[in-house]
């Protein structure tokens, strides 16, 4: 999404070349493959730990942090690996996204008309807000020690980045559509 915004605002004449079908498939496939490889590594590492006591995970999905709280094994190695991996899987993509937005903001500031600047800023601000909330919560959950939060706090953060943010995305982007805005106004202010 950040690359799409970057191409649309910073390279508008090259947009059809930069965001062709091949590049879109490549971007999507690389995201999926990276996620799968990362998950396989985490699952393999956790599968070598011993678990004792309750076999009930205090979470609404099988989150590694919740699963590790049931482990009898020393999980310091896992925490070190997650912190190290977090730099590559969390911080690096976040910084690349931020870098693309820096270029976008610089390009927007060069737009002469205030209407054009406002439209470009409003297009990008909703996406940037969602990105900041998503990366912020994911970083807090996965890059902090597992003992830092209670299970209830872990569930609250997980709910934020697994349910609320994906639910907000279509809402935020559809509210940019004039027909949707008018339909919502008509629904709310119907006499």
Foldseek 3Di string as FASTA:
>chain_A
DLVLLLCCQVPVVCNCVCPPPVNVVVVVVVVVVVVVVVVVVLVVVLVPFAFDDDPDQLAPDPDSLSNCVRTPDDCPVVLVVLQVVCCVPQVVVLVVSVVSVVSNLVSLVPDDDPVSSVVSCLVVVVVVVLSCLQSVLVCVQRNDDSPPDDSVVNRVSCCCNPPVSVVVVVVSVVCVDPVSVVVVCCVVPPD
